[in-house]
């Protein structure tokens, strides 16, 4: 903000950077309401709050996806172990793990 404010063309620079930032965040799929953002210099507090909220949402979604991926890997490992034992049918393994039958079949083909 200090760099923009120190420039003799600060209004133009502010307008260009604000427009670029809004477009860039939209392309990223940021669920941030930037309709009322007209100036980085004037609306910096609103922008900071919106970006902080968006970052928290992204972090929470990332954690959720990480947990889901870890659970899926654990289930697949269990299914592989059951396949190695050779005692249960693919249908039984699918039922025990919650995997689809074609997923169990794909795991069998990996071996």
PDB file of N, CA and C in Angstrom:
ATOM      1  N   UNK A   1       0.821  -1.180   0.000  1.00  0.00           N
ATOM      2  CA  UNK A   1       0.000   0.000   0.000  1.00  0.00           C
ATOM      3  C   UNK A   1       0.874   1.255   0.000  1.00  0.00           C
ATOM      4  N   UNK A   2       1.964   1.207   0.737  1.00  0.00           N
ATOM      5  CA  UNK A   2       2.840   2.375   0.826  1.00  0.00           C
ATOM      6  C   UNK A   2       3.459   2.693  -0.529  1.00  0.00           C
ATOM      7  N   UNK A   3       3.798   1.678  -1.286  1.00  0.00           N
ATOM      8  CA  UNK A   3       4.399   1.885  -2.606  1.00  0.00           C
ATOM      9  C   UNK A   3       3.389   2.534  -3.544  1.00  0.00           C
ATOM     10  N   UNK A   4       2.167   2.040  -3.513  1.00  0.00           N
ATOM     11  CA  UNK A   4       1.116   2.613  -4.356  1.00  0.00           C
ATOM     12  C   UNK A   4       0.869   4.064  -3.967  1.00  0.00           C
ATOM     13  N   UNK A   5       0.747   4.317  -2.675  1.00  0.00           N
ATOM     14  CA  UNK A   5       0.440   5.668  -2.207  1.00  0.00           C
ATOM     15  C   UNK A   5       1.559   6.651  -2.497  1.00  0.00           C
ATOM     16  N   UNK A   6       2.792   6.171  -2.592  1.00  0.00           N
ATOM     17  CA  UNK A   6       3.924   7.066  -2.848  1.00  0.00           C
ATOM     18  C   UNK A   6       4.078   7.417  -4.323  1.00  0.00           C
ATOM     19  N   UNK A   7       3.441   6.677  -5.194  1.00  0.00           N
ATOM     20  CA  UNK A   7       3.585   6.900  -6.633  1.00  0.00           C
ATOM     21  C   UNK A   7       2.709   8.067  -7.077  1.00  0.00           C
ATOM     22  N   UNK A   8       3.212   8.892  -7.998  1.00  0.00           N
ATOM     23  CA  UNK A   8       2.405  10.021  -8.477  1.00  0.00           C
ATOM     24  C   UNK A   8       1.165   9.584  -9.262  1.00  0.00           C
ATOM     25  N   UNK A   9       1.156   8.369  -9.763  1.00  0.00           N
ATOM     26  CA  UNK A   9       0.014   7.836 -10.519  1.00  0.00           C
ATOM     27  C   UNK A   9      -0.752   6.816  -9.666  1.00  0.00           C
ATOM     28  N   UNK A  10      -0.841   7.083  -8.383  1.00  0.00           N
ATOM     29  CA  UNK A  10      -1.389   6.098  -7.447  1.00  0.00           C
ATOM     30  C   UNK A  10      -2.826   5.692  -7.759  1.00  0.00           C
ATOM     31  N   UNK A  11      -3.654   6.621  -8.224  1.00  0.00           N
ATOM     32  CA  UNK A  11      -5.045   6.262  -8.516  1.00  0.00           C
ATOM     33  C   UNK A  11      -5.123   5.239  -9.643  1.00  0.00           C
ATOM     34  N   UNK A  12      -4.354   5.474 -10.698  1.00  0.00           N
ATOM     35  CA  UNK A  12      -4.349   4.558 -11.845  1.00  0.00           C
ATOM     36  C   UNK A  12      -3.767   3.202 -11.463  1.00  0.00           C
ATOM     37  N   UNK A  13      -2.674   3.202 -10.743  1.00  0.00           N
ATOM     38  CA  UNK A  13      -2.040   1.946 -10.321  1.00  0.00           C
ATOM     39  C   UNK A  13      -2.980   1.162  -9.413  1.00  0.00           C
ATOM     40  N   UNK A  14      -3.596   1.878  -8.486  1.00  0.00           N
ATOM     41  CA  UNK A  14      -4.538   1.234  -7.562  1.00  0.00           C
ATOM     42  C   UNK A  14      -5.683   0.588  -8.337  1.00  0.00           C
ATOM     43  N   UNK A  15      -6.206   1.298  -9.312  1.00  0.00           N
ATOM     44  CA  UNK A  15      -7.329   0.786 -10.108  1.00  0.00           C
ATOM     45  C   UNK A  15      -6.921  -0.466 -10.895  1.00  0.00           C
ATOM     46  N   UNK A  16      -5.749  -0.423 -11.509  1.00  0.00           N
ATOM     47  CA  UNK A  16      -5.271  -1.547 -12.317  1.00  0.00           C
ATOM     48  C   UNK A  16      -5.006  -2.773 -11.445  1.00  0.00           C
ATOM     49  N   UNK A  17      -4.321  -2.583 -10.336  1.00  0.00           N
ATOM     50  CA  UNK A  17      -3.998  -3.709  -9.452  1.00  0.00           C
ATOM     51  C   UNK A  17      -5.271  -4.281  -8.831  1.00  0.00           C
ATOM     52  N   UNK A  18      -6.194  -3.425  -8.450  1.00  0.00           N
ATOM     53  CA  UNK A  18      -7.455  -3.888  -7.871  1.00  0.00           C
ATOM     54  C   UNK A  18      -8.217  -4.734  -8.880  1.00  0.00           C
ATOM     55  N   UNK A  19      -8.301  -4.260 -10.116  1.00  0.00           N
ATOM     56  CA  UNK A  19      -9.007  -5.009 -11.160  1.00  0.00           C
ATOM     57  C   UNK A  19      -8.326  -6.352 -11.418  1.00  0.00           C
ATOM     58  N   UNK A  20      -6.988  -6.332 -11.492  1.00  0.00           N
ATOM     59  CA  UNK A  20      -6.247  -7.576 -11.727  1.00  0.00           C
ATOM     60  C   UNK A  20      -6.477  -8.560 -10.581  1.00  0.00           C
ATOM     61  N   UNK A  21      -6.399  -8.102  -9.356  1.00  0.00           N
ATOM     62  CA  UNK A  21      -6.574  -8.970  -8.200  1.00  0.00           C
ATOM     63  C   UNK A  21      -7.966  -9.599  -8.180  1.00  0.00           C
ATOM     64  N   UNK A  22      -8.985  -8.811  -8.461  1.00  0.00           N
ATOM     65  CA  UNK A  22     -10.350  -9.338  -8.481  1.00  0.00           C
ATOM     66  C   UNK A  22     -10.488 -10.430  -9.544  1.00  0.00           C
ATOM     67  N   UNK A  23      -9.953 -10.179 -10.730  1.00  0.00           N
ATOM     68  CA  UNK A  23     -10.038 -11.178 -11.807  1.00  0.00           C
ATOM     69  C   UNK A  23      -9.249 -12.432 -11.468  1.00  0.00           C
ATOM     70  N   UNK A  24      -8.065 -12.247 -10.898  1.00  0.00           N
ATOM     71  CA  UNK A  24      -7.214 -13.379 -10.548  1.00  0.00           C
ATOM     72  C   UNK A  24      -7.886 -14.252  -9.492  1.00  0.00           C
ATOM     73  N   UNK A  25      -8.462 -13.645  -8.482  1.00  0.00           N
ATOM     74  CA  UNK A  25      -9.143 -14.409  -7.440  1.00  0.00           C
ATOM     75  C   UNK A  25     -10.368 -15.127  -7.995  1.00  0.00           C
ATOM     76  N   UNK A  26     -11.067 -14.517  -8.938  1.00  0.00           N
ATOM     77  CA  UNK A  26     -12.206 -15.183  -9.569  1.00  0.00           C
ATOM     78  C   UNK A  26     -11.741 -16.406 -10.352  1.00  0.00           C
ATOM     79  N   UNK A  27     -10.627 -16.268 -11.084  1.00  0.00           N
ATOM     80  CA  UNK A  27     -10.091 -17.408 -11.844  1.00  0.00           C
ATOM     81  C   UNK A  27      -9.679 -18.547 -10.926  1.00  0.00           C
ATOM     82  N   UNK A  28      -9.202 -18.207  -9.736  1.00  0.00           N
ATOM     83  CA  UNK A  28      -8.815 -19.226  -8.768  1.00  0.00           C
ATOM     84  C   UNK A  28     -10.020 -19.892  -8.124  1.00  0.00           C
ATOM     85  N   UNK A  29     -11.188 -19.320  -8.366  1.00  0.00           N
ATOM     86  CA  UNK A  29     -12.406 -19.870  -7.779  1.00  0.00           C
ATOM     87  C   UNK A  29     -12.613 -19.441  -6.341  1.00  0.00           C
ATOM     88  N   UNK A  30     -12.003 -18.347  -5.966  1.00  0.00           N
ATOM     89  CA  UNK A  30     -12.136 -17.855  -4.593  1.00  0.00           C
ATOM     90  C   UNK A  30     -13.577 -17.443  -4.342  1.00  0.00           C
ATOM     91  N   UNK A  31     -14.129 -17.991  -3.297  1.00  0.00           N
ATOM     92  CA  UNK A  31     -15.492 -17.626  -2.925  1.00  0.00           C
ATOM     93  C   UNK A  31     -15.420 -16.423  -1.991  1.00  0.00           C
ATOM     94  N   UNK A  32     -14.990 -15.323  -2.563  1.00  0.00           N
ATOM     95  CA  UNK A  32     -14.820 -14.083  -1.818  1.00  0.00           C
ATOM     96  C   UNK A  32     -15.661 -13.027  -2.507  1.00  0.00           C
ATOM     97  N   UNK A  33     -16.447 -12.295  -1.746  1.00  0.00           N
ATOM     98  CA  UNK A  33     -17.289 -11.245  -2.322  1.00  0.00           C
ATOM     99  C   UNK A  33     -16.455  -9.983  -2.503  1.00  0.00           C
ATOM    100  N   UNK A  34     -16.059  -9.746  -3.745  1.00  0.00           N
ATOM    101  CA  UNK A  34     -15.220  -8.586  -4.045  1.00  0.00           C
ATOM    102  C   UNK A  34     -15.970  -7.537  -4.848  1.00  0.00           C
ATOM    103  N   UNK A  35     -17.281  -7.662  -4.931  1.00  0.00           N
ATOM    104  CA  UNK A  35     -18.073  -6.712  -5.714  1.00  0.00           C
ATOM    105  C   UNK A  35     -17.928  -5.288  -5.195  1.00  0.00           C
ATOM    106  N   UNK A  36     -17.774  -5.138  -3.893  1.00  0.00           N
ATOM    107  CA  UNK A  36     -17.681  -3.800  -3.317  1.00  0.00           C
ATOM    108  C   UNK A  36     -16.238  -3.299  -3.227  1.00  0.00           C
ATOM    109  N   UNK A  37     -15.293  -4.114  -3.660  1.00  0.00           N
ATOM    110  CA  UNK A  37     -13.888  -3.707  -3.626  1.00  0.00           C
ATOM    111  C   UNK A  37     -13.593  -2.813  -4.824  1.00  0.00           C
ATOM    112  N   UNK A  38     -13.287  -1.569  -4.555  1.00  0.00           N
ATOM    113  CA  UNK A  38     -12.994  -0.615  -5.619  1.00  0.00           C
ATOM    114  C   UNK A  38     -11.570  -0.098  -5.560  1.00  0.00           C
ATOM    115  N   UNK A  39     -10.937  -0.255  -4.411  1.00  0.00           N
ATOM    116  CA  UNK A  39      -9.601   0.285  -4.224  1.00  0.00           C
ATOM    117  C   UNK A  39      -8.864  -0.518  -3.167  1.00  0.00           C
ATOM    118  N   UNK A  40      -7.659  -0.978  -3.520  1.00  0.00           N
ATOM    119  CA  UNK A  40      -6.851  -1.685  -2.527  1.00  0.00           C
ATOM    120  C   UNK A  40      -6.468  -0.760  -1.384  1.00  0.00           C
ATOM    121  N   UNK A  41      -6.190   0.475  -1.719  1.00  0.00           N
ATOM    122  CA  UNK A  41      -5.769   1.445  -0.709  1.00  0.00           C
ATOM    123  C   UNK A  41      -6.915   1.751   0.249  1.00  0.00           C
ATOM    124  N   UNK A  42      -8.097   1.993  -0.290  1.00  0.00           N
ATOM    125  CA  UNK A  42      -9.227   2.386   0.554  1.00  0.00           C
ATOM    126  C   UNK A  42      -9.897   1.191   1.233  1.00  0.00           C
ATOM    127  N   UNK A  43      -9.916   0.052   0.569  1.00  0.00           N
ATOM    128  CA  UNK A  43     -10.665  -1.106   1.068  1.00  0.00           C
ATOM    129  C   UNK A  43      -9.751  -2.225   1.554  1.00  0.00           C
ATOM    130  N   UNK A  44      -8.555  -1.897   1.992  1.00  0.00           N
ATOM    131  CA  UNK A  44      -7.592  -2.938   2.358  1.00  0.00           C
ATOM    132  C   UNK A  44      -8.082  -3.795   3.528  1.00  0.00           C
ATOM    133  N   UNK A  45      -8.804  -3.216   4.475  1.00  0.00           N
ATOM    134  CA  UNK A  45      -9.296  -4.000   5.609  1.00  0.00           C
ATOM    135  C   UNK A  45     -10.341  -5.021   5.160  1.00  0.00           C
ATOM    136  N   UNK A  46     -11.249  -4.609   4.279  1.00  0.00           N
ATOM    137  CA  UNK A  46     -12.264  -5.518   3.763  1.00  0.00           C
ATOM    138  C   UNK A  46     -11.599  -6.640   2.967  1.00  0.00           C
ATOM    139  N   UNK A  47     -10.618  -6.287   2.145  1.00  0.00           N
ATOM    140  CA  UNK A  47      -9.920  -7.283   1.346  1.00  0.00           C
ATOM    141  C   UNK A  47      -9.185  -8.267   2.250  1.00  0.00           C
ATOM    142  N   UNK A  48      -8.511  -7.765   3.251  1.00  0.00           N
ATOM    143  CA  UNK A  48      -7.767  -8.639   4.160  1.00  0.00           C
ATOM    144  C   UNK A  48      -8.701  -9.614   4.861  1.00  0.00           C
ATOM    145  N   UNK A  49      -9.848  -9.135   5.297  1.00  0.00           N
ATOM    146  CA  UNK A  49     -10.814  -9.998   5.977  1.00  0.00           C
ATOM    147  C   UNK A  49     -11.349 -11.074   5.026  1.00  0.00           C
ATOM    148  N   UNK A  50     -11.701 -10.674   3.808  1.00  0.00           N
ATOM    149  CA  UNK A  50     -12.197 -11.638   2.821  1.00  0.00           C
ATOM    150  C   UNK A  50     -11.145 -12.689   2.484  1.00  0.00           C
ATOM    151  N   UNK A  51      -9.907 -12.254   2.302  1.00  0.00           N
ATOM    152  CA  UNK A  51      -8.843 -13.193   1.960  1.00  0.00           C
ATOM    153  C   UNK A  51      -8.543 -14.129   3.122  1.00  0.00           C
ATOM    154  N   UNK A  52      -8.612 -13.627   4.336  1.00  0.00           N
ATOM    155  CA  UNK A  52      -8.397 -14.477   5.504  1.00  0.00           C
ATOM    156  C   UNK A  52      -9.489 -15.542   5.599  1.00  0.00           C
ATOM    157  N   UNK A  53     -10.737 -15.135   5.388  1.00  0.00           N
ATOM    158  CA  UNK A  53     -11.849 -16.100   5.403  1.00  0.00           C
ATOM    159  C   UNK A  53     -11.682 -17.146   4.318  1.00  0.00           C
ATOM    160  N   UNK A  54     -11.295 -16.709   3.125  1.00  0.00           N
ATOM    161  CA  UNK A  54     -11.100 -17.630   2.012  1.00  0.00           C
ATOM    162  C   UNK A  54      -9.961 -18.605   2.319  1.00  0.00           C
ATOM    163  N   UNK A  55      -8.875 -18.102   2.878  1.00  0.00           N
ATOM    164  CA  UNK A  55      -7.743 -18.958   3.209  1.00  0.00           C
ATOM    165  C   UNK A  55      -8.145 -20.001   4.248  1.00  0.00           C
ATOM    166  N   UNK A  56      -8.939 -19.607   5.224  1.00  0.00           N
ATOM    167  CA  UNK A  56      -9.407 -20.556   6.235  1.00  0.00           C
ATOM    168  C   UNK A  56     -10.290 -21.624   5.604  1.00  0.00           C
ATOM    169  N   UNK A  57     -11.172 -21.236   4.691  1.00  0.00           N
ATOM    170  CA  UNK A  57     -12.032 -22.206   4.008  1.00  0.00           C
ATOM    171  C   UNK A  57     -11.196 -23.192   3.202  1.00  0.00           C
ATOM    172  N   UNK A  58     -10.206 -22.674   2.480  1.00  0.00           N
ATOM    173  CA  UNK A  58      -9.340 -23.534   1.675  1.00  0.00           C
ATOM    174  C   UNK A  58      -8.572 -24.502   2.566  1.00  0.00           C
ATOM    175  N   UNK A  59      -8.096 -24.017   3.694  1.00  0.00           N
ATOM    176  CA  UNK A  59      -7.354 -24.864   4.627  1.00  0.00           C
ATOM    177  C   UNK A  59      -8.245 -25.979   5.158  1.00  0.00           C
ATOM    178  N   UNK A  60      -9.466 -25.631   5.543  1.00  0.00           N
ATOM    179  CA  UNK A  60     -10.402 -26.632   6.064  1.00  0.00           C
ATOM    180  C   UNK A  60     -10.747 -27.666   5.000  1.00  0.00           C
ATOM    181  N   UNK A  61     -10.969 -27.211   3.773  1.00  0.00           N
ATOM    182  CA  UNK A  61     -11.280 -28.149   2.692  1.00  0.00           C
ATOM    183  C   UNK A  61     -10.088 -29.050   2.400  1.00  0.00           C
ATOM    184  N   UNK A  62      -8.876 -28.477   2.461  1.00  0.00           N
ATOM    185  CA  UNK A  62      -7.671 -29.272   2.249  1.00  0.00           C
ATOM    186  C   UNK A  62      -7.501 -30.340   3.314  1.00  0.00           C
ATOM    187  N   UNK A  63      -7.767 -29.961   4.556  1.00  0.00           N
ATOM    188  CA  UNK A  63      -7.684 -30.938   5.642  1.00  0.00           C
ATOM    189  C   UNK A  63      -8.700 -32.054   5.443  1.00  0.00           C
ATOM    190  N   UNK A  64      -9.916 -31.680   5.073  1.00  0.00           N
ATOM    191  CA  UNK A  64     -10.979 -32.669   4.860  1.00  0.00           C
ATOM    192  C   UNK A  64     -10.587 -33.629   3.743  1.00  0.00           C
ATOM    193  N   UNK A  65     -10.052 -33.082   2.636  1.00  0.00           N
ATOM    194  CA  UNK A  65      -9.644 -33.940   1.524  1.00  0.00           C
ATOM    195  C   UNK A  65      -8.495 -34.850   1.928  1.00  0.00           C
ATOM    196  N   UNK A  66      -7.581 -34.331   2.741  1.00  0.00           N
ATOM    197  CA  UNK A  66      -6.461 -35.140   3.214  1.00  0.00           C
ATOM    198  C   UNK A  66      -6.927 -36.296   4.077  1.00  0.00           C
ATOM    199  N   UNK A  67      -7.872 -36.028   4.948  1.00  0.00           N
ATOM    200  CA  UNK A  67      -8.424 -37.079   5.807  1.00  0.00           C
ATOM    201  C   UNK A  67      -9.137 -38.122   4.965  1.00  0.00           C
ATOM    202  N   UNK A  68      -9.950 -37.662   4.023  1.00  0.00           N
ATOM    203  CA  UNK A  68     -10.677 -38.596   3.153  1.00  0.00           C
ATOM    204  C   UNK A  68      -9.712 -39.446   2.336  1.00  0.00           C
ATOM    205  N   UNK A  69      -8.640 -38.830   1.833  1.00  0.00           N
ATOM    206  CA  UNK A  69      -7.657 -39.571   1.048  1.00  0.00           C
ATOM    207  C   UNK A  69      -6.953 -40.606   1.924  1.00  0.00           C
ATOM    208  N   UNK A  70      -6.613 -40.201   3.141  1.00  0.00           N
ATOM    209  CA  UNK A  70      -5.972 -41.139   4.066  1.00  0.00           C
ATOM    210  C   UNK A  70      -6.874 -42.308   4.408  1.00  0.00           C
ATOM    211  N   UNK A  71      -8.146 -42.021   4.635  1.00  0.00           N
ATOM    212  CA  UNK A  71      -9.098 -43.097   4.927  1.00  0.00           C
ATOM    213  C   UNK A  71      -9.219 -44.050   3.745  1.00  0.00           C
ATOM    214  N   UNK A  72      -9.277 -43.480   2.545  1.00  0.00           N
ATOM    215  CA  UNK A  72      -9.397 -44.301   1.340  1.00  0.00           C
ATOM    216  C   UNK A  72      -8.164 -45.202   1.184  1.00  0.00           C
ATOM    217  N   UNK A  73      -6.978 -44.638   1.443  1.00  0.00           N
ATOM    218  CA  UNK A  73      -5.759 -45.440   1.339  1.00  0.00           C
ATOM    219  C   UNK A  73      -5.752 -46.565   2.365  1.00  0.00           C
ATOM    220  N   UNK A  74      -6.246 -46.278   3.570  1.00  0.00           N
ATOM    221  CA  UNK A  74      -6.322 -47.305   4.602  1.00  0.00           C
ATOM    222  C   UNK A  74      -7.275 -48.428   4.222  1.00  0.00           C
ATOM    223  N   UNK A  75      -8.399 -48.058   3.658  1.00  0.00           N
ATOM    224  CA  UNK A  75      -9.378 -49.057   3.224  1.00  0.00           C
ATOM    225  C   UNK A  75      -8.794 -49.911   2.097  1.00  0.00           C
ATOM    226  N   UNK A  76      -8.114 -49.264   1.167  1.00  0.00           N
ATOM    227  CA  UNK A  76      -7.509 -50.014   0.065  1.00  0.00           C
ATOM    228  C   UNK A  76      -6.426 -50.963   0.574  1.00  0.00           C
ATOM    229  N   UNK A  77      -5.656 -50.512   1.562  1.00  0.00           N
ATOM    230  CA  UNK A  77      -4.625 -51.378   2.142  1.00  0.00           C
ATOM    231  C   UNK A  77      -5.267 -52.602   2.802  1.00  0.00           C
ATOM    232  N   UNK A  78      -6.355 -52.375   3.518  1.00  0.00           N
ATOM    233  CA  UNK A  78      -7.076 -53.493   4.136  1.00  0.00           C
ATOM    234  C   UNK A  78      -7.564 -54.460   3.067  1.00  0.00           C
ATOM    235  N   UNK A  79      -8.121 -53.935   2.001  1.00  0.00           N
ATOM    236  CA  UNK A  79      -8.616 -54.795   0.915  1.00  0.00           C
ATOM    237  C   UNK A  79      -7.462 -55.586   0.292  1.00  0.00           C
ATOM    238  N   UNK A  80      -6.309 -54.948   0.114  1.00  0.00           N
ATOM    239  CA  UNK A  80      -5.153 -55.663  -0.450  1.00  0.00           C
ATOM    240  C   UNK A  80      -4.726 -56.812   0.476  1.00  0.00           C
ATOM    241  N   UNK A  81      -4.717 -56.513   1.770  1.00  0.00           N
ATOM    242  CA  UNK A  81      -4.350 -57.559   2.730  1.00  0.00           C
ATOM    243  C   UNK A  81      -5.340 -58.725   2.692  1.00  0.00           C
ATOM    244  N   UNK A  82      -6.629 -58.410   2.587  1.00  0.00           N
ATOM    245  CA  UNK A  82      -7.639 -59.464   2.488  1.00  0.00           C
ATOM    246  C   UNK A  82      -7.464 -60.267   1.199  1.00  0.00           C
ATOM    247  N   UNK A  83      -7.111 -59.580   0.114  1.00  0.00           N
ATOM    248  CA  UNK A  83      -6.871 -60.285  -1.147  1.00  0.00           C
ATOM    249  C   UNK A  83      -5.682 -61.230  -1.021  1.00  0.00           C
ATOM    250  N   UNK A  84      -4.641 -60.788  -0.331  1.00  0.00           N
ATOM    251  CA  UNK A  84      -3.456 -61.637  -0.145  1.00  0.00           C
ATOM    252  C   UNK A  84      -3.787 -62.904   0.639  1.00  0.00           C
ATOM    253  N   UNK A  85      -4.686 -62.780   1.603  1.00  0.00           N
ATOM    254  CA  UNK A  85      -5.066 -63.954   2.386  1.00  0.00           C
ATOM    255  C   UNK A  85      -5.766 -65.001   1.526  1.00  0.00           C
ATOM    256  N   UNK A  86      -6.494 -64.531   0.512  1.00  0.00           N
ATOM    257  CA  UNK A  86      -7.153 -65.436  -0.407  1.00  0.00           C
ATOM    258  C   UNK A  86      -8.303 -66.236   0.185  1.00  0.00           C
ATOM    259  N   UNK A  87      -8.863 -65.765   1.266  1.00  0.00           N
ATOM    260  CA  UNK A  87      -9.932 -66.493   1.943  1.00  0.00           C
ATOM    261  C   UNK A  87     -11.309 -65.992   1.522  1.00  0.00           C
ATOM    262  N   UNK A  88     -11.420 -64.670   1.299  1.00  0.00           N
ATOM    263  CA  UNK A  88     -12.721 -64.056   0.992  1.00  0.00           C
ATOM    264  C   UNK A  88     -12.876 -63.822  -0.501  1.00  0.00           C
ATOM    265  N   UNK A  89     -14.109 -63.817  -0.941  1.00  0.00           N
ATOM    266  CA  UNK A  89     -14.392 -63.476  -2.341  1.00  0.00           C
ATOM    267  C   UNK A  89     -14.309 -61.964  -2.512  1.00  0.00           C
ATOM    268  N   UNK A  90     -14.243 -61.522  -3.763  1.00  0.00           N
ATOM    269  CA  UNK A  90     -14.225 -60.077  -4.033  1.00  0.00           C
ATOM    270  C   UNK A  90     -15.479 -59.406  -3.487  1.00  0.00           C
ATOM    271  N   UNK A  91     -16.610 -60.089  -3.590  1.00  0.00           N
ATOM    272  CA  UNK A  91     -17.875 -59.546  -3.086  1.00  0.00           C
ATOM    273  C   UNK A  91     -17.818 -59.351  -1.573  1.00  0.00           C
ATOM    274  N   UNK A  92     -17.242 -60.319  -0.877  1.00  0.00           N
ATOM    275  CA  UNK A  92     -17.127 -60.214   0.578  1.00  0.00           C
ATOM    276  C   UNK A  92     -16.170 -59.088   0.977  1.00  0.00           C
ATOM    277  N   UNK A  93     -15.087 -58.954   0.250  1.00  0.00           N
ATOM    278  CA  UNK A  93     -14.131 -57.879   0.530  1.00  0.00           C
ATOM    279  C   UNK A  93     -14.781 -56.523   0.274  1.00  0.00           C
ATOM    280  N   UNK A  94     -15.527 -56.426  -0.806  1.00  0.00           N
ATOM    281  CA  UNK A  94     -16.229 -55.170  -1.119  1.00  0.00           C
ATOM    282  C   UNK A  94     -17.203 -54.821  -0.006  1.00  0.00           C
ATOM    283  N   UNK A  95     -17.928 -55.810   0.461  1.00  0.00           N
ATOM    284  CA  UNK A  95     -18.904 -55.571   1.525  1.00  0.00           C
ATOM    285  C   UNK A  95     -18.207 -55.179   2.827  1.00  0.00           C
ATOM    286  N   UNK A  96     -17.089 -55.829   3.130  1.00  0.00           N
ATOM    287  CA  UNK A  96     -16.387 -55.565   4.386  1.00  0.00           C
ATOM    288  C   UNK A  96     -15.708 -54.195   4.401  1.00  0.00           C
ATOM    289  N   UNK A  97     -15.242 -53.753   3.248  1.00  0.00           N
ATOM    290  CA  UNK A  97     -14.483 -52.494   3.193  1.00  0.00           C
ATOM    291  C   UNK A  97     -15.312 -51.299   2.733  1.00  0.00           C
ATOM    292  N   UNK A  98     -16.446 -51.580   2.092  1.00  0.00           N
ATOM    293  CA  UNK A  98     -17.246 -50.488   1.548  1.00  0.00           C
ATOM    294  C   UNK A  98     -16.790 -50.056   0.164  1.00  0.00           C
ATOM    295  N   UNK A  99     -15.809 -50.755  -0.389  1.00  0.00           N
ATOM    296  CA  UNK A  99     -15.356 -50.453  -1.750  1.00  0.00           C
ATOM    297  C   UNK A  99     -16.340 -51.042  -2.758  1.00  0.00           C
ATOM    298  N   UNK A 100     -16.357 -50.455  -3.931  1.00  0.00           N
ATOM    299  CA  UNK A 100     -17.153 -51.011  -5.021  1.00  0.00           C
ATOM    300  C   UNK A 100     -16.459 -52.274  -5.523  1.00  0.00           C
ATOM    301  N   UNK A 101     -17.235 -53.171  -6.077  1.00  0.00           N
ATOM    302  CA  UNK A 101     -16.689 -54.439  -6.560  1.00  0.00           C
ATOM    303  C   UNK A 101     -15.613 -54.206  -7.617  1.00  0.00           C
ATOM    304  N   UNK A 102     -15.815 -53.231  -8.494  1.00  0.00           N
ATOM    305  CA  UNK A 102     -14.803 -52.964  -9.525  1.00  0.00           C
ATOM    306  C   UNK A 102     -13.508 -52.417  -8.913  1.00  0.00           C
ATOM    307  N   UNK A 103     -13.610 -51.711  -7.777  1.00  0.00           N
ATOM    308  CA  UNK A 103     -12.401 -51.234  -7.102  1.00  0.00           C
ATOM    309  C   UNK A 103     -11.610 -52.408  -6.528  1.00  0.00           C
ATOM    310  N   UNK A 104     -12.315 -53.370  -5.963  1.00  0.00           N
ATOM    311  CA  UNK A 104     -11.652 -54.572  -5.440  1.00  0.00           C
ATOM    312  C   UNK A 104     -10.997 -55.324  -6.591  1.00  0.00           C
ATOM    313  N   UNK A 105     -11.700 -55.426  -7.704  1.00  0.00           N
ATOM    314  CA  UNK A 105     -11.163 -56.102  -8.885  1.00  0.00           C
ATOM    315  C   UNK A 105      -9.892 -55.400  -9.367  1.00  0.00           C
ATOM    316  N   UNK A 106      -9.904 -54.072  -9.391  1.00  0.00           N
ATOM    317  CA  UNK A 106      -8.714 -53.327  -9.799  1.00  0.00           C
ATOM    318  C   UNK A 106      -7.545 -53.564  -8.849  1.00  0.00           C
ATOM    319  N   UNK A 107      -7.838 -53.640  -7.544  1.00  0.00           N
ATOM    320  CA  UNK A 107      -6.782 -53.930  -6.570  1.00  0.00           C
ATOM    321  C   UNK A 107      -6.212 -55.324  -6.789  1.00  0.00           C
ATOM    322  N   UNK A 108      -7.073 -56.268  -7.145  1.00  0.00           N
ATOM    323  CA  UNK A 108      -6.623 -57.631  -7.417  1.00  0.00           C
ATOM    324  C   UNK A 108      -5.681 -57.630  -8.635  1.00  0.00           C
ATOM    325  N   UNK A 109      -5.989 -56.848  -9.634  1.00  0.00           N
ATOM    326  CA  UNK A 109      -5.177 -56.780 -10.852  1.00  0.00           C
ATOM    327  C   UNK A 109      -3.816 -56.116 -10.607  1.00  0.00           C
ATOM    328  N   UNK A 110      -3.720 -55.269  -9.590  1.00  0.00           N
ATOM    329  CA  UNK A 110      -2.458 -54.599  -9.270  1.00  0.00           C
ATOM    330  C   UNK A 110      -1.398 -55.589  -8.782  1.00  0.00           C
ATOM    331  N   UNK A 111      -1.843 -56.668  -8.158  1.00  0.00           N
ATOM    332  CA  UNK A 111      -0.917 -57.594  -7.514  1.00  0.00           C
ATOM    333  C   UNK A 111      -0.045 -58.308  -8.482  1.00  0.00           C
TER     334      UNK A 111
END
